[in-house]
PDB file of N, CA and C in Angstrom:
ATOM      1  N   MET A   1      34.427 -80.832 -35.583  1.00  0.00           N
ATOM      2  CA  MET A   1      33.446 -80.003 -36.377  1.00  0.00           C
ATOM      3  C   MET A   1      34.363 -79.885 -37.641  1.00  0.00           C
ATOM      4  N   HIS A   2      35.810 -80.248 -37.651  1.00  0.00           N
ATOM      5  CA  HIS A   2      36.883 -79.703 -38.288  1.00  0.00           C
ATOM      6  C   HIS A   2      36.378 -80.796 -39.721  1.00  0.00           C
ATOM      7  N   HIS A   3      36.205 -82.063 -39.215  1.00  0.00           N
ATOM      8  CA  HIS A   3      35.998 -83.246 -40.287  1.00  0.00           C
ATOM      9  C   HIS A   3      34.608 -82.833 -41.461  1.00  0.00           C
ATOM     10  N   ILE A   4      33.845 -82.216 -40.090  1.00  0.00           N
ATOM     11  CA  ILE A   4      32.285 -81.736 -41.240  1.00  0.00           C
ATOM     12  C   ILE A   4      32.312 -80.701 -42.461  1.00  0.00           C
ATOM     13  N   GLU A   5      33.393 -79.599 -41.689  1.00  0.00           N
ATOM     14  CA  GLU A   5      33.755 -78.832 -42.702  1.00  0.00           C
ATOM     15  C   GLU A   5      34.591 -79.592 -43.963  1.00  0.00           C
ATOM     16  N   GLU A   6      34.966 -80.461 -43.712  1.00  0.00           N
ATOM     17  CA  GLU A   6      36.028 -81.173 -45.465  1.00  0.00           C
ATOM     18  C   GLU A   6      35.234 -81.502 -46.050  1.00  0.00           C
ATOM     19  N   LEU A   7      34.282 -82.561 -44.924  1.00  0.00           N
ATOM     20  CA  LEU A   7      33.443 -83.217 -45.966  1.00  0.00           C
ATOM     21  C   LEU A   7      32.551 -82.279 -46.794  1.00  0.00           C
ATOM     22  N   ALA A   8      31.735 -81.143 -46.150  1.00  0.00           N
ATOM     23  CA  ALA A   8      31.165 -80.513 -47.034  1.00  0.00           C
ATOM     24  C   ALA A   8      31.694 -79.456 -48.272  1.00  0.00           C
ATOM     25  N   ALA A   9      33.111 -79.158 -47.977  1.00  0.00           N
ATOM     26  CA  ALA A   9      33.972 -78.508 -49.181  1.00  0.00           C
ATOM     27  C   ALA A   9      34.318 -79.675 -49.938  1.00  0.00           C
ATOM     28  N   ASP A  10      34.437 -80.529 -50.146  1.00  0.00           N
ATOM     29  CA  ASP A  10      34.216 -81.383 -50.976  1.00  0.00           C
ATOM     30  C   ASP A  10      33.589 -81.613 -52.521  1.00  0.00           C
ATOM     31  N   TYR A  11      33.137 -80.309 -52.588  1.00  0.00           N
ATOM     32  CA  TYR A  11      32.217 -80.655 -53.665  1.00  0.00           C
ATOM     33  C   TYR A  11      33.063 -79.822 -54.593  1.00  0.00           C
ATOM     34  N   VAL A  12      32.183 -79.740 -55.627  1.00  0.00           N
ATOM     35  CA  VAL A  12      32.749 -78.702 -56.894  1.00  0.00           C
ATOM     36  C   VAL A  12      31.811 -77.186 -56.671  1.00  0.00           C
ATOM     37  N   GLY A  13      32.443 -75.999 -56.695  1.00  0.00           N
ATOM     38  CA  GLY A  13      31.783 -74.805 -56.570  1.00  0.00           C
ATOM     39  C   GLY A  13      31.541 -74.306 -55.051  1.00  0.00           C
ATOM     40  N   VAL A  14      32.111 -74.863 -54.276  1.00  0.00           N
ATOM     41  CA  VAL A  14      32.069 -75.031 -52.699  1.00  0.00           C
ATOM     42  C   VAL A  14      33.281 -74.037 -51.873  1.00  0.00           C
ATOM     43  N   LYS A  15      33.162 -73.062 -52.284  1.00  0.00           N
ATOM     44  CA  LYS A  15      34.121 -72.046 -52.047  1.00  0.00           C
ATOM     45  C   LYS A  15      35.055 -72.412 -49.967  1.00  0.00           C
ATOM     46  N   GLN A  16      33.676 -72.073 -49.934  1.00  0.00           N
ATOM     47  CA  GLN A  16      34.191 -72.350 -48.047  1.00  0.00           C
ATOM     48  C   GLN A  16      32.896 -72.979 -47.133  1.00  0.00           C
ATOM     49  N   ALA A  17      33.647 -73.320 -46.287  1.00  0.00           N
ATOM     50  CA  ALA A  17      32.103 -74.601 -45.312  1.00  0.00           C
ATOM     51  C   ALA A  17      32.488 -74.194 -43.712  1.00  0.00           C
ATOM     52  N   PHE A  18      31.697 -73.642 -42.979  1.00  0.00           N
ATOM     53  CA  PHE A  18      32.095 -73.514 -41.247  1.00  0.00           C
ATOM     54  C   PHE A  18      30.992 -74.508 -40.950  1.00  0.00           C
ATOM     55  N   ALA A  19      31.329 -75.255 -39.818  1.00  0.00           N
ATOM     56  CA  ALA A  19      30.353 -75.777 -38.799  1.00  0.00           C
ATOM     57  C   ALA A  19      30.482 -74.903 -37.841  1.00  0.00           C
ATOM     58  N   LEU A  20      28.738 -74.168 -37.195  1.00  0.00           N
ATOM     59  CA  LEU A  20      28.047 -73.728 -36.273  1.00  0.00           C
ATOM     60  C   LEU A  20      27.865 -73.956 -35.186  1.00  0.00           C
ATOM     61  N   GLN A  21      27.047 -73.575 -34.286  1.00  0.00           N
ATOM     62  CA  GLN A  21      26.897 -74.135 -32.770  1.00  0.00           C
ATOM     63  C   GLN A  21      27.258 -75.783 -32.460  1.00  0.00           C
ATOM     64  N   ASN A  22      28.366 -75.939 -32.481  1.00  0.00           N
ATOM     65  CA  ASN A  22      28.704 -77.298 -31.905  1.00  0.00           C
ATOM     66  C   ASN A  22      28.704 -78.312 -33.162  1.00  0.00           C
ATOM     67  N   GLY A  23      28.715 -78.079 -34.529  1.00  0.00           N
ATOM     68  CA  GLY A  23      28.324 -79.065 -35.595  1.00  0.00           C
ATOM     69  C   GLY A  23      27.453 -79.524 -35.279  1.00  0.00           C
ATOM     70  N   LYS A  24      25.992 -78.656 -35.287  1.00  0.00           N
ATOM     71  CA  LYS A  24      24.202 -78.514 -35.356  1.00  0.00           C
ATOM     72  C   LYS A  24      24.451 -78.274 -36.611  1.00  0.00           C
ATOM     73  N   GLU A  25      25.368 -76.669 -37.033  1.00  0.00           N
ATOM     74  CA  GLU A  25      24.657 -76.686 -38.572  1.00  0.00           C
ATOM     75  C   GLU A  25      26.153 -76.491 -38.706  1.00  0.00           C
ATOM     76  N   VAL A  26      25.675 -76.373 -40.621  1.00  0.00           N
ATOM     77  CA  VAL A  26      26.974 -76.456 -41.704  1.00  0.00           C
ATOM     78  C   VAL A  26      26.928 -75.224 -42.652  1.00  0.00           C
ATOM     79  N   ARG A  27      27.163 -74.373 -42.533  1.00  0.00           N
ATOM     80  CA  ARG A  27      26.757 -73.107 -43.327  1.00  0.00           C
ATOM     81  C   ARG A  27      28.061 -73.009 -44.955  1.00  0.00           C
ATOM     82  N   VAL A  28      27.298 -73.581 -46.086  1.00  0.00           N
ATOM     83  CA  VAL A  28      28.364 -73.967 -47.263  1.00  0.00           C
ATOM     84  C   VAL A  28      28.078 -72.837 -48.086  1.00  0.00           C
ATOM     85  N   LEU A  29      29.780 -72.236 -48.144  1.00  0.00           N
ATOM     86  CA  LEU A  29      29.639 -70.780 -49.287  1.00  0.00           C
ATOM     87  C   LEU A  29      29.340 -71.354 -50.537  1.00  0.00           C
ATOM     88  N   VAL A  30      29.238 -70.915 -51.801  1.00  0.00           N
ATOM     89  CA  VAL A  30      29.372 -71.616 -53.170  1.00  0.00           C
ATOM     90  C   VAL A  30      29.588 -70.153 -54.154  1.00  0.00           C
ATOM     91  N   ASP A  31      30.095 -70.566 -54.974  1.00  0.00           N
ATOM     92  CA  ASP A  31      30.693 -69.840 -56.151  1.00  0.00           C
ATOM     93  C   ASP A  31      29.600 -69.286 -57.249  1.00  0.00           C
ATOM     94  N   SER A  32      28.571 -68.479 -56.963  1.00  0.00           N
ATOM     95  CA  SER A  32      27.189 -68.161 -57.525  1.00  0.00           C
ATOM     96  C   SER A  32      27.572 -68.287 -58.978  1.00  0.00           C
ATOM     97  N   GLY A  33      28.561 -68.652 -59.909  1.00  0.00           N
ATOM     98  CA  GLY A  33      29.098 -68.709 -61.040  1.00  0.00           C
ATOM     99  C   GLY A  33      28.803 -70.343 -61.904  1.00  0.00           C
ATOM    100  N   VAL A  34      29.251 -70.845 -61.060  1.00  0.00           N
ATOM    101  CA  VAL A  34      29.284 -72.178 -61.050  1.00  0.00           C
ATOM    102  C   VAL A  34      27.764 -73.285 -60.283  1.00  0.00           C
ATOM    103  N   VAL A  35      27.380 -72.449 -59.381  1.00  0.00           N
ATOM    104  CA  VAL A  35      26.359 -73.353 -58.219  1.00  0.00           C
ATOM    105  C   VAL A  35      24.659 -72.244 -58.511  1.00  0.00           C
ATOM    106  N   ASP A  36      24.055 -72.825 -59.317  1.00  0.00           N
ATOM    107  CA  ASP A  36      23.414 -72.054 -59.773  1.00  0.00           C
ATOM    108  C   ASP A  36      21.479 -73.055 -59.209  1.00  0.00           C
ATOM    109  N   ASP A  37      20.515 -72.650 -59.068  1.00  0.00           N
ATOM    110  CA  ASP A  37      19.361 -73.140 -57.451  1.00  0.00           C
ATOM    111  C   ASP A  37      19.099 -74.280 -57.738  1.00  0.00           C
ATOM    112  N   THR A  38      19.065 -74.665 -58.945  1.00  0.00           N
ATOM    113  CA  THR A  38      19.094 -76.217 -58.562  1.00  0.00           C
ATOM    114  C   THR A  38      20.025 -77.226 -58.688  1.00  0.00           C
ATOM    115  N   TYR A  39      21.299 -76.539 -58.834  1.00  0.00           N
ATOM    116  CA  TYR A  39      22.245 -77.705 -58.375  1.00  0.00           C
ATOM    117  C   TYR A  39      22.621 -77.215 -56.110  1.00  0.00           C
ATOM    118  N   ALA A  40      22.342 -75.433 -56.160  1.00  0.00           N
ATOM    119  CA  ALA A  40      22.263 -75.515 -54.788  1.00  0.00           C
ATOM    120  C   ALA A  40      21.571 -76.720 -53.999  1.00  0.00           C
ATOM    121  N   GLU A  41      20.136 -76.782 -53.866  1.00  0.00           N
ATOM    122  CA  GLU A  41      19.235 -78.386 -53.675  1.00  0.00           C
ATOM    123  C   GLU A  41      19.935 -79.139 -53.745  1.00  0.00           C
ATOM    124  N   GLN A  42      20.367 -79.644 -55.262  1.00  0.00           N
ATOM    125  CA  GLN A  42      21.178 -81.363 -55.204  1.00  0.00           C
ATOM    126  C   GLN A  42      22.413 -80.851 -54.078  1.00  0.00           C
ATOM    127  N   LEU A  43      22.738 -80.092 -54.331  1.00  0.00           N
ATOM    128  CA  LEU A  43      23.906 -79.718 -53.283  1.00  0.00           C
ATOM    129  C   LEU A  43      23.679 -79.885 -51.832  1.00  0.00           C
ATOM    130  N   ALA A  44      22.810 -79.426 -51.017  1.00  0.00           N
ATOM    131  CA  ALA A  44      22.209 -80.024 -49.854  1.00  0.00           C
ATOM    132  C   ALA A  44      22.513 -80.516 -49.466  1.00  0.00           C
ATOM    133  N   ASP A  45      21.316 -81.655 -50.543  1.00  0.00           N
ATOM    134  CA  ASP A  45      20.734 -83.182 -50.876  1.00  0.00           C
ATOM    135  C   ASP A  45      22.114 -84.137 -50.422  1.00  0.00           C
ATOM    136  N   ASP A  46      23.132 -83.504 -51.061  1.00  0.00           N
ATOM    137  CA  ASP A  46      24.323 -84.634 -51.063  1.00  0.00           C
ATOM    138  C   ASP A  46      24.895 -84.462 -50.024  1.00  0.00           C
ATOM    139  N   ILE A  47      25.361 -83.277 -49.396  1.00  0.00           N
ATOM    140  CA  ILE A  47      25.890 -82.920 -48.442  1.00  0.00           C
ATOM    141  C   ILE A  47      25.507 -83.819 -47.336  1.00  0.00           C
ATOM    142  N   THR A  48      24.283 -83.982 -46.810  1.00  0.00           N
ATOM    143  CA  THR A  48      23.756 -84.501 -46.149  1.00  0.00           C
ATOM    144  C   THR A  48      23.779 -85.995 -46.503  1.00  0.00           C
ATOM    145  N   THR A  49      23.128 -86.498 -47.128  1.00  0.00           N
ATOM    146  CA  THR A  49      23.587 -87.643 -47.164  1.00  0.00           C
ATOM    147  C   THR A  49      24.517 -88.376 -47.214  1.00  0.00           C
ATOM    148  N   LYS A  50      26.229 -87.294 -47.393  1.00  0.00           N
ATOM    149  CA  LYS A  50      27.195 -87.844 -47.312  1.00  0.00           C
ATOM    150  C   LYS A  50      27.509 -87.976 -44.875  1.00  0.00           C
ATOM    151  N   LEU A  51      27.121 -86.505 -45.015  1.00  0.00           N
ATOM    152  CA  LEU A  51      27.146 -86.347 -43.557  1.00  0.00           C
ATOM    153  C   LEU A  51      27.243 -87.977 -42.628  1.00  0.00           C
ATOM    154  N   GLU A  52      25.382 -88.180 -43.402  1.00  0.00           N
ATOM    155  CA  GLU A  52      24.401 -88.871 -42.425  1.00  0.00           C
ATOM    156  C   GLU A  52      25.417 -90.369 -42.795  1.00  0.00           C
ATOM    157  N   GLN A  53      25.976 -90.347 -43.593  1.00  0.00           N
ATOM    158  CA  GLN A  53      26.613 -91.990 -43.772  1.00  0.00           C
ATOM    159  C   GLN A  53      28.211 -91.898 -43.095  1.00  0.00           C
ATOM    160  N   GLN A  54      28.889 -91.067 -43.351  1.00  0.00           N
ATOM    161  CA  GLN A  54      30.179 -90.902 -42.248  1.00  0.00           C
ATOM    162  C   GLN A  54      30.317 -90.713 -41.410  1.00  0.00           C
ATOM    163  N   LEU A  55      29.233 -90.057 -40.306  1.00  0.00           N
ATOM    164  CA  LEU A  55      29.336 -89.182 -39.455  1.00  0.00           C
ATOM    165  C   LEU A  55      28.162 -90.153 -38.713  1.00  0.00           C
ATOM    166  N   GLU A  56      28.777 -90.350 -37.324  1.00  0.00           N
ATOM    167  CA  GLU A  56      27.533 -89.869 -36.306  1.00  0.00           C
ATOM    168  C   GLU A  56      27.642 -89.245 -35.353  1.00  0.00           C
ATOM    169  N   TYR A  57      26.237 -88.516 -35.185  1.00  0.00           N
ATOM    170  CA  TYR A  57      25.761 -87.298 -33.908  1.00  0.00           C
ATOM    171  C   TYR A  57      24.674 -87.580 -33.455  1.00  0.00           C
ATOM    172  N   PRO A  58      24.525 -86.731 -32.572  1.00  0.00           N
ATOM    173  CA  PRO A  58      23.400 -86.938 -32.065  1.00  0.00           C
ATOM    174  C   PRO A  58      22.562 -85.312 -32.205  1.00  0.00           C
ATOM    175  N   GLY A  59      21.635 -86.654 -32.642  1.00  0.00           N
ATOM    176  CA  GLY A  59      19.934 -85.214 -32.531  1.00  0.00           C
ATOM    177  C   GLY A  59      20.280 -84.969 -34.493  1.00  0.00           C
ATOM    178  N   GLN A  60      20.009 -83.933 -34.835  1.00  0.00           N
ATOM    179  CA  GLN A  60      19.507 -83.242 -36.180  1.00  0.00           C
ATOM    180  C   GLN A  60      20.821 -81.950 -36.511  1.00  0.00           C
ATOM    181  N   LEU A  61      21.473 -82.831 -37.785  1.00  0.00           N
ATOM    182  CA  LEU A  61      22.672 -81.287 -38.410  1.00  0.00           C
ATOM    183  C   LEU A  61      21.438 -80.661 -39.352  1.00  0.00           C
ATOM    184  N   ARG A  62      21.931 -79.531 -39.617  1.00  0.00           N
ATOM    185  CA  ARG A  62      21.470 -78.723 -41.129  1.00  0.00           C
ATOM    186  C   ARG A  62      22.515 -78.238 -41.573  1.00  0.00           C
ATOM    187  N   VAL A  63      22.075 -78.447 -42.844  1.00  0.00           N
ATOM    188  CA  VAL A  63      23.191 -78.010 -43.955  1.00  0.00           C
ATOM    189  C   VAL A  63      22.247 -76.767 -44.888  1.00  0.00           C
ATOM    190  N   CYS A  64      22.979 -75.509 -44.929  1.00  0.00           N
ATOM    191  CA  CYS A  64      22.438 -74.460 -45.431  1.00  0.00           C
ATOM    192  C   CYS A  64      23.394 -73.783 -46.644  1.00  0.00           C
ATOM    193  N   ILE A  65      22.986 -73.920 -47.466  1.00  0.00           N
ATOM    194  CA  ILE A  65      23.886 -73.809 -48.653  1.00  0.00           C
ATOM    195  C   ILE A  65      23.402 -72.038 -48.914  1.00  0.00           C
ATOM    196  N   ILE A  66      25.136 -71.067 -49.242  1.00  0.00           N
ATOM    197  CA  ILE A  66      24.325 -69.634 -49.302  1.00  0.00           C
ATOM    198  C   ILE A  66      25.255 -69.510 -50.646  1.00  0.00           C
ATOM    199  N   ARG A  67      24.155 -69.152 -51.287  1.00  0.00           N
ATOM    200  CA  ARG A  67      25.320 -68.756 -52.626  1.00  0.00           C
ATOM    201  C   ARG A  67      24.695 -67.388 -53.008  1.00  0.00           C
ATOM    202  N   GLU A  68      25.009 -66.628 -53.537  1.00  0.00           N
ATOM    203  CA  GLU A  68      25.030 -64.776 -53.377  1.00  0.00           C
ATOM    204  C   GLU A  68      25.825 -64.224 -54.631  1.00  0.00           C
ATOM    205  N   MET A  69      25.037 -63.393 -55.603  1.00  0.00           N
ATOM    206  CA  MET A  69      25.553 -62.569 -56.031  1.00  0.00           C
ATOM    207  C   MET A  69      25.557 -61.175 -55.729  1.00  0.00           C
ATOM    208  N   ARG A  70      26.774 -60.420 -56.119  1.00  0.00           N
ATOM    209  CA  ARG A  70      26.922 -59.249 -55.856  1.00  0.00           C
ATOM    210  C   ARG A  70      27.291 -58.427 -57.381  1.00  0.00           C
ATOM    211  N   ALA A  71      26.905 -57.224 -57.607  1.00  0.00           N
ATOM    212  CA  ALA A  71      27.018 -56.470 -58.601  1.00  0.00           C
ATOM    213  C   ALA A  71      27.294 -54.670 -57.861  1.00  0.00           C
ATOM    214  N   GLU A  72      28.612 -53.876 -58.087  1.00  0.00           N
ATOM    215  CA  GLU A  72      28.600 -53.090 -57.989  1.00  0.00           C
ATOM    216  C   GLU A  72      29.108 -51.862 -59.323  1.00  0.00           C
ATOM    217  N   SER A  73      28.850 -50.871 -58.385  1.00  0.00           N
ATOM    218  CA  SER A  73      29.680 -49.855 -59.654  1.00  0.00           C
ATOM    219  C   SER A  73      29.617 -48.250 -58.937  1.00  0.00           C
ATOM    220  N   HIS A  74      29.840 -47.997 -59.287  1.00  0.00           N
ATOM    221  CA  HIS A  74      30.630 -46.236 -59.095  1.00  0.00           C
ATOM    222  C   HIS A  74      30.477 -45.623 -59.420  1.00  0.00           C
ATOM    223  N   ALA A  75      29.650 -44.355 -58.896  1.00  0.00           N
ATOM    224  CA  ALA A  75      29.739 -42.745 -59.658  1.00  0.00           C
ATOM    225  C   ALA A  75      30.203 -41.870 -59.043  1.00  0.00           C
ATOM    226  N   ARG A  76      30.774 -41.160 -60.032  1.00  0.00           N
ATOM    227  CA  ARG A  76      31.560 -40.176 -59.631  1.00  0.00           C
ATOM    228  C   ARG A  76      31.275 -38.412 -60.272  1.00  0.00           C
TER     229      ARG A  76
END
């Protein structure tokens, strides 16, 4: 599972990658300032292709890109 995380984290804009459910799902946290919606879709496809080429695994592997932007303000 660590190898899956390393492959996914090897892209521009990726902050962290986590393999879940015994390696059947990869959640990739990306920097919203670097990765826009279009690039997020392309990134999911690129990671999927790389995993298919470099790993052998039974069944399917799901790649989920998580891109969030938070704004915070405080009133006194």
